[in-house]
Amino acid sequence: MLFRLIPFARLISAVVLPSSLLLAQPPLSQQPTPSTLTTSQLITRLTAAISNLKTLRAVVDARERIGNKYIPAVSTIKVITKPLQIYLKNQKGVEVLYVTGQNNGDAWVYPAAFPYITLSLDPKGALMRRDQHHTALQIGFGTISDLLEGSDKLLDKSFNRSFRYVGDSTTQRRACYVLRSDYPQFRYISYKAGKNETPATVAARYGCGEYRILERNNLSPSSQLSEGQVIQVPNAYARRTIVLVDPKSFLPISVTVYDDRGLYERFEFSNVITNQPIPAEEFQKGYKGYKL
């Protein structure tokens, strides 16, 4: 989703958590009484706010579970949505620049490590996807819309319909609406691949995200599934999802996702500036201050 978008995660310090915490489910906290806003109204305004984004500047504080470790990353991002242009820089100094129609479809990546030269890498390829739940092209809030609405290819939308507006709260001294999904039927199922299927096409069928299919079945992003091959696939994206929504912009403040093993990923968004012009030169390799 939604959401960390920082290549070269192996350059980032990993936080090892006890297995007991990995398996723990979050307690059911008492929620304040909801206002007159309905679930349908909140989801409609949230998805409209996301779809109406033309530009985005933000800081994304992310934590993703990779194996039995949580990988943290803090990134500053700039995005123009159409045509898609992306710049991001994480706390380790890794920089990524992607501009639609340039560099043969590759992203420019400065790894902030040996060999200290700018690389051209496929944003959907194995190197940029290593230890990543999402691709750089999924930067922003688009994946959150998919969780709420589901894609046209989705076989079962019961997960998407499980979201409920459960109350108002505060986070980091900011008021927010709380949108929550509880989906206890989350589990892994066996799936027999058809012709010309890939992990990405299977993920689209179940709305589960590609990463856990790759991880569970020891596959790479470029894997082509053999017809009849049986793989293990999550039947939905999460067992529990909590989205905190800004009551002014109706954009997400944070997204927290749990699966059968506990916390799967969390993304927090701050310093968000939307639909303000971003100069074209900020999406050029030679822009002042970039090491690309």
Protein backbone atom coordinates (compact mmCIF):
# COMPACT_ATOMS: atom_id res chain seq x y z
CA MET A 1 0.00 0.00 0.00
CA LEU A 2 0.33 1.58 0.69
CA PHE A 3 3.25 2.55 1.70
CA ARG A 4 7.18 2.52 2.76
CA LEU A 5 8.58 2.84 -0.74
CA ILE A 6 12.28 2.95 0.16
CA PRO A 7 14.63 0.84 -1.99
CA PHE A 8 17.80 -0.74 -0.63
CA ALA A 9 16.19 -1.64 2.67
CA ARG A 10 19.23 -3.74 3.47
CA LEU A 11 21.05 -0.47 4.06
CA ILE A 12 18.63 0.39 6.87
CA SER A 13 19.09 -0.89 10.41
CA ALA A 14 16.67 -3.70 11.25
CA VAL A 15 14.83 -3.90 14.55
CA VAL A 16 14.46 -7.48 15.80
CA LEU A 17 11.34 -8.00 17.89
CA PRO A 18 10.48 -10.96 20.14
CA SER A 19 8.34 -13.65 18.59
CA SER A 20 5.72 -13.10 21.29
CA LEU A 21 5.20 -9.55 20.03
CA LEU A 22 5.05 -10.69 16.43
CA LEU A 23 2.24 -13.04 17.29
CA ALA A 24 0.32 -10.64 19.50
CA GLN A 25 -2.87 -9.10 18.21
CA PRO A 26 -3.67 -5.49 19.17
CA PRO A 27 -6.09 -5.05 22.05
CA LEU A 28 -9.59 -3.83 21.27
CA SER A 29 -9.39 -0.25 22.53
CA GLN A 30 -12.41 1.69 23.64
CA GLN A 31 -13.42 4.17 20.94
CA PRO A 32 -15.15 7.53 21.41
CA THR A 33 -18.75 7.83 20.24
CA PRO A 34 -18.82 8.51 16.46
CA SER A 35 -20.12 11.82 15.16
CA THR A 36 -23.00 12.03 12.68
CA LEU A 37 -20.61 11.12 9.86
CA THR A 38 -21.48 7.73 8.38
CA THR A 39 -19.10 5.02 7.18
CA SER A 40 -20.21 5.55 3.59
CA GLN A 41 -19.67 9.30 3.79
CA LEU A 42 -16.22 8.91 5.32
CA ILE A 43 -15.06 6.38 2.73
CA THR A 44 -16.48 8.48 -0.12
CA ARG A 45 -14.70 11.61 1.06
CA LEU A 46 -11.46 9.74 1.76
CA THR A 47 -11.32 8.11 -1.67
CA ALA A 48 -12.31 11.38 -3.38
CA ALA A 49 -9.52 13.24 -1.58
CA ILE A 50 -7.02 10.64 -2.77
CA SER A 51 -8.27 10.57 -6.36
CA ASN A 52 -8.19 14.39 -6.54
CA LEU A 53 -4.52 14.61 -5.62
CA LYS A 54 -2.43 16.32 -8.27
CA THR A 55 0.72 16.91 -6.24
CA LEU A 56 1.93 15.68 -2.87
CA ARG A 57 4.76 16.55 -0.51
CA ALA A 58 5.01 14.59 2.72
CA VAL A 59 7.17 12.80 5.24
CA VAL A 60 6.40 9.10 5.55
CA ASP A 61 7.42 7.22 8.71
CA ALA A 62 7.14 3.53 7.93
CA ARG A 63 7.66 0.16 9.60
CA GLU A 64 7.34 -3.07 7.61
CA ARG A 65 7.73 -6.65 8.76
CA ILE A 66 10.32 -8.52 6.72
CA GLY A 67 10.70 -12.08 7.95
CA ASN A 68 10.86 -11.75 11.76
CA LYS A 69 12.25 -8.21 11.68
CA TYR A 70 10.70 -4.78 11.44
CA ILE A 71 12.42 -2.43 9.02
CA PRO A 72 11.96 1.28 9.81
CA ALA A 73 12.31 4.09 7.30
CA VAL A 74 11.60 7.80 7.28
CA SER A 75 11.32 9.35 3.83
CA THR A 76 10.66 12.74 2.34
CA ILE A 77 8.60 12.41 -0.83
CA LYS A 78 7.49 14.62 -3.71
CA VAL A 79 4.92 13.41 -6.23
CA ILE A 80 3.17 14.70 -9.31
CA THR A 81 0.42 12.22 -10.11
CA LYS A 82 -0.15 12.83 -13.86
CA PRO A 83 2.10 12.01 -15.56
CA LEU A 84 3.65 10.22 -12.62
CA GLN A 85 6.83 11.85 -11.30
CA ILE A 86 8.41 10.80 -8.01
CA TYR A 87 11.33 11.92 -5.90
CA LEU A 88 12.12 10.45 -2.49
CA LYS A 89 14.98 10.50 -0.05
CA ASN A 90 15.24 8.42 3.10
CA GLN A 91 17.09 8.96 6.36
CA LYS A 92 20.12 7.05 5.05
CA GLY A 93 20.50 9.39 2.09
CA VAL A 94 19.15 6.95 -0.52
CA GLU A 95 17.51 8.93 -3.33
CA VAL A 96 15.08 7.76 -5.99
CA LEU A 97 13.84 9.70 -9.00
CA TYR A 98 11.23 8.35 -11.42
CA VAL A 99 9.76 10.34 -14.30
CA THR A 100 7.24 8.78 -16.67
CA GLY A 101 8.63 8.53 -20.20
CA GLN A 102 12.27 9.01 -19.19
CA ASN A 103 15.26 6.69 -18.63
CA ASN A 104 13.64 3.82 -20.55
CA GLY A 105 11.12 3.35 -17.75
CA ASP A 106 13.79 2.88 -15.08
CA ALA A 107 14.24 4.89 -11.91
CA TRP A 108 17.45 6.72 -11.10
CA VAL A 109 18.73 5.53 -7.72
CA TYR A 110 21.55 6.94 -5.62
CA PRO A 111 22.27 4.17 -3.07
CA ALA A 112 24.24 6.32 -0.56
CA ALA A 113 26.67 3.40 -0.33
CA PHE A 114 29.39 1.79 -2.41
CA PRO A 115 29.83 2.24 -5.37
CA TYR A 116 28.37 5.76 -4.74
CA ILE A 117 27.16 6.14 -8.30
CA THR A 118 23.68 6.65 -9.67
CA LEU A 119 22.08 3.45 -10.95
CA SER A 120 19.21 2.91 -13.38
CA LEU A 121 16.89 0.25 -11.98
CA ASP A 122 13.51 -1.21 -12.86
CA PRO A 123 11.11 0.08 -10.16
CA LYS A 124 9.25 -3.24 -10.33
CA GLY A 125 12.41 -5.35 -10.45
CA ALA A 126 13.91 -7.61 -7.81
CA LEU A 127 16.64 -5.21 -6.69
CA MET A 128 14.32 -2.29 -5.94
CA ARG A 129 11.68 -4.65 -4.53
CA ARG A 130 14.08 -6.39 -2.16
CA ASP A 131 12.66 -6.31 1.37
CA GLN A 132 9.80 -4.09 0.23
CA HIS A 133 6.06 -4.57 0.64
CA HIS A 134 5.36 -2.07 -2.16
CA THR A 135 7.01 -0.63 -5.25
CA ALA A 136 8.18 2.96 -5.59
CA LEU A 137 5.43 3.45 -8.17
CA GLN A 138 2.83 2.88 -5.44
CA ILE A 139 3.99 5.91 -3.52
CA GLY A 140 1.30 8.03 -1.90
CA PHE A 141 -2.21 6.91 -0.96
CA GLY A 142 -3.42 4.92 -3.98
CA THR A 143 -3.10 1.54 -2.31
CA ILE A 144 -5.39 2.74 0.48
CA SER A 145 -8.12 3.38 -2.10
CA ASP A 146 -7.64 -0.19 -3.33
CA LEU A 147 -8.15 -1.51 0.21
CA LEU A 148 -11.40 0.40 0.53
CA GLU A 149 -12.85 -0.05 -2.96
CA GLY A 150 -11.12 -3.10 -4.44
CA SER A 151 -9.90 -3.44 -8.01
CA ASP A 152 -12.03 -4.58 -10.95
CA LYS A 153 -10.17 -7.91 -10.89
CA LEU A 154 -11.01 -8.68 -7.27
CA LEU A 155 -12.96 -11.93 -6.85
CA ASP A 156 -14.43 -11.22 -3.40
CA LYS A 157 -15.01 -7.73 -1.95
CA SER A 158 -16.11 -8.81 1.54
CA PHE A 159 -12.84 -7.47 2.96
CA ASN A 160 -13.37 -4.07 1.35
CA ARG A 161 -16.91 -3.95 2.75
CA SER A 162 -15.67 -4.73 6.28
CA PHE A 163 -14.46 -1.16 6.99
CA ARG A 164 -16.47 0.78 9.57
CA TYR A 165 -16.26 4.28 10.98
CA VAL A 166 -15.85 3.55 14.69
CA GLY A 167 -15.26 6.93 16.29
CA ASP A 168 -13.08 10.01 16.69
CA SER A 169 -9.68 10.11 18.33
CA THR A 170 -6.40 12.01 18.46
CA THR A 171 -2.92 11.04 17.31
CA GLN A 172 0.18 13.16 17.76
CA ARG A 173 -2.15 15.88 19.09
CA ARG A 174 -4.11 15.76 15.85
CA ALA A 175 -7.84 15.04 15.71
CA CYS A 176 -8.82 12.18 13.43
CA TYR A 177 -11.61 9.91 12.33
CA VAL A 178 -11.02 6.20 12.92
CA LEU A 179 -11.86 3.82 10.08
CA ARG A 180 -11.42 0.17 10.98
CA SER A 181 -11.71 -3.25 9.39
CA ASP A 182 -11.89 -6.49 11.37
CA TYR A 183 -11.65 -9.52 9.10
CA PRO A 184 -11.13 -12.63 11.28
CA GLN A 185 -11.51 -14.96 8.29
CA PHE A 186 -8.09 -13.83 6.99
CA ARG A 187 -6.01 -16.90 6.16
CA TYR A 188 -3.73 -18.43 3.53
CA ILE A 189 -5.36 -20.63 0.90
CA SER A 190 -4.04 -22.87 -1.87
CA TYR A 191 -4.30 -21.44 -5.37
CA LYS A 192 -3.67 -23.30 -8.64
CA ALA A 193 -2.18 -20.98 -11.25
CA GLY A 194 -3.70 -20.70 -14.70
CA LYS A 195 -2.01 -19.78 -17.98
CA ASN A 196 0.37 -16.80 -18.06
CA GLU A 197 -0.11 -15.93 -14.40
CA THR A 198 2.35 -14.07 -12.21
CA PRO A 199 2.39 -13.24 -8.48
CA ALA A 200 1.07 -9.78 -9.42
CA THR A 201 -1.97 -11.11 -11.29
CA VAL A 202 -2.81 -13.48 -8.42
CA ALA A 203 -2.44 -10.63 -5.91
CA ALA A 204 -4.92 -8.59 -7.96
CA ARG A 205 -7.46 -11.43 -7.79
CA TYR A 206 -7.36 -11.53 -3.99
CA GLY A 207 -6.42 -7.93 -3.15
CA CYS A 208 -3.75 -9.30 -0.83
CA GLY A 209 -0.69 -7.42 -2.06
CA GLU A 210 2.14 -9.11 -3.90
CA TYR A 211 4.78 -9.19 -1.15
CA ARG A 212 3.34 -11.99 1.00
CA ILE A 213 2.87 -14.21 -2.05
CA LEU A 214 6.54 -13.71 -2.91
CA GLU A 215 7.66 -14.29 0.68
CA ARG A 216 5.46 -17.33 1.41
CA ASN A 217 6.34 -19.13 -1.84
CA ASN A 218 9.99 -18.07 -2.24
CA LEU A 219 9.27 -16.27 -5.51
CA SER A 220 10.80 -13.21 -7.15
CA PRO A 221 8.81 -10.28 -8.62
CA SER A 222 9.66 -11.45 -12.13
CA SER A 223 8.48 -15.04 -11.53
CA GLN A 224 6.18 -16.56 -14.12
CA LEU A 225 3.94 -19.18 -12.56
CA SER A 226 3.62 -22.52 -14.31
CA GLU A 227 0.11 -23.56 -15.28
CA GLY A 228 -1.16 -25.82 -12.50
CA GLN A 229 1.46 -24.64 -9.99
CA VAL A 230 -0.02 -24.50 -6.48
CA ILE A 231 0.96 -21.59 -4.28
CA GLN A 232 -0.16 -20.22 -0.91
CA VAL A 233 -2.04 -16.93 -1.12
CA PRO A 234 -3.67 -14.68 1.52
CA ASN A 235 -7.43 -14.47 0.94
CA ALA A 236 -7.44 -10.73 1.81
CA TYR A 237 -5.05 -7.91 2.69
CA ALA A 238 -5.34 -8.00 6.46
CA ARG A 239 -6.98 -9.43 9.54
CA ARG A 240 -7.28 -5.96 11.06
CA THR A 241 -6.71 -2.54 9.49
CA ILE A 242 -6.90 0.86 11.16
CA VAL A 243 -6.91 4.04 9.08
CA LEU A 244 -6.76 7.39 10.87
CA VAL A 245 -8.20 10.14 8.68
CA ASP A 246 -7.58 13.88 8.86
CA PRO A 247 -10.98 15.58 9.39
CA LYS A 248 -9.95 18.63 7.32
CA SER A 249 -8.25 17.10 4.27
CA PHE A 250 -9.86 13.64 4.54
CA LEU A 251 -6.45 12.14 3.71
CA PRO A 252 -4.88 9.37 5.82
CA ILE A 253 -2.80 10.35 8.82
CA SER A 254 -1.74 6.76 9.38
CA VAL A 255 -2.47 3.22 8.25
CA THR A 256 -1.80 0.20 10.48
CA VAL A 257 -2.19 -3.35 9.18
CA TYR A 258 -2.25 -6.63 11.12
CA ASP A 259 -2.33 -10.18 9.78
CA ASP A 260 -2.19 -13.66 11.30
CA ARG A 261 1.27 -12.95 12.78
CA GLY A 262 0.57 -9.55 14.30
CA LEU A 263 1.72 -6.18 12.99
CA TYR A 264 2.41 -6.38 9.26
CA GLU A 265 3.03 -2.73 8.38
CA ARG A 266 2.43 0.81 9.62
CA PHE A 267 2.69 4.10 7.74
CA GLU A 268 2.38 7.56 9.27
CA PHE A 269 2.15 10.72 7.15
CA SER A 270 3.20 14.17 8.33
CA ASN A 271 4.05 17.58 6.85
CA VAL A 272 1.54 16.83 4.12
CA ILE A 273 1.14 19.51 1.43
CA THR A 274 -1.26 18.76 -1.40
CA ASN A 275 -2.12 20.27 -4.77
CA GLN A 276 0.49 23.01 -4.59
CA PRO A 277 2.68 23.39 -7.71
CA ILE A 278 6.03 21.60 -7.60
CA PRO A 279 8.59 23.12 -10.01
CA ALA A 280 9.56 20.81 -12.89
CA GLU A 281 13.26 21.14 -12.03
CA GLU A 282 12.65 19.25 -8.78
CA PHE A 283 12.13 16.14 -10.90
CA GLN A 284 15.44 16.50 -12.73
CA LYS A 285 18.66 14.68 -11.84
CA GLY A 286 20.67 17.88 -11.68
CA TYR A 287 18.42 19.69 -9.21
CA LYS A 288 20.37 21.52 -6.53
CA GLY A 289 21.12 19.30 -3.53
CA TYR A 290 20.41 15.97 -5.28
CA LYS A 291 23.25 13.44 -5.54
CA LEU A 292 21.70 11.71 -8.53
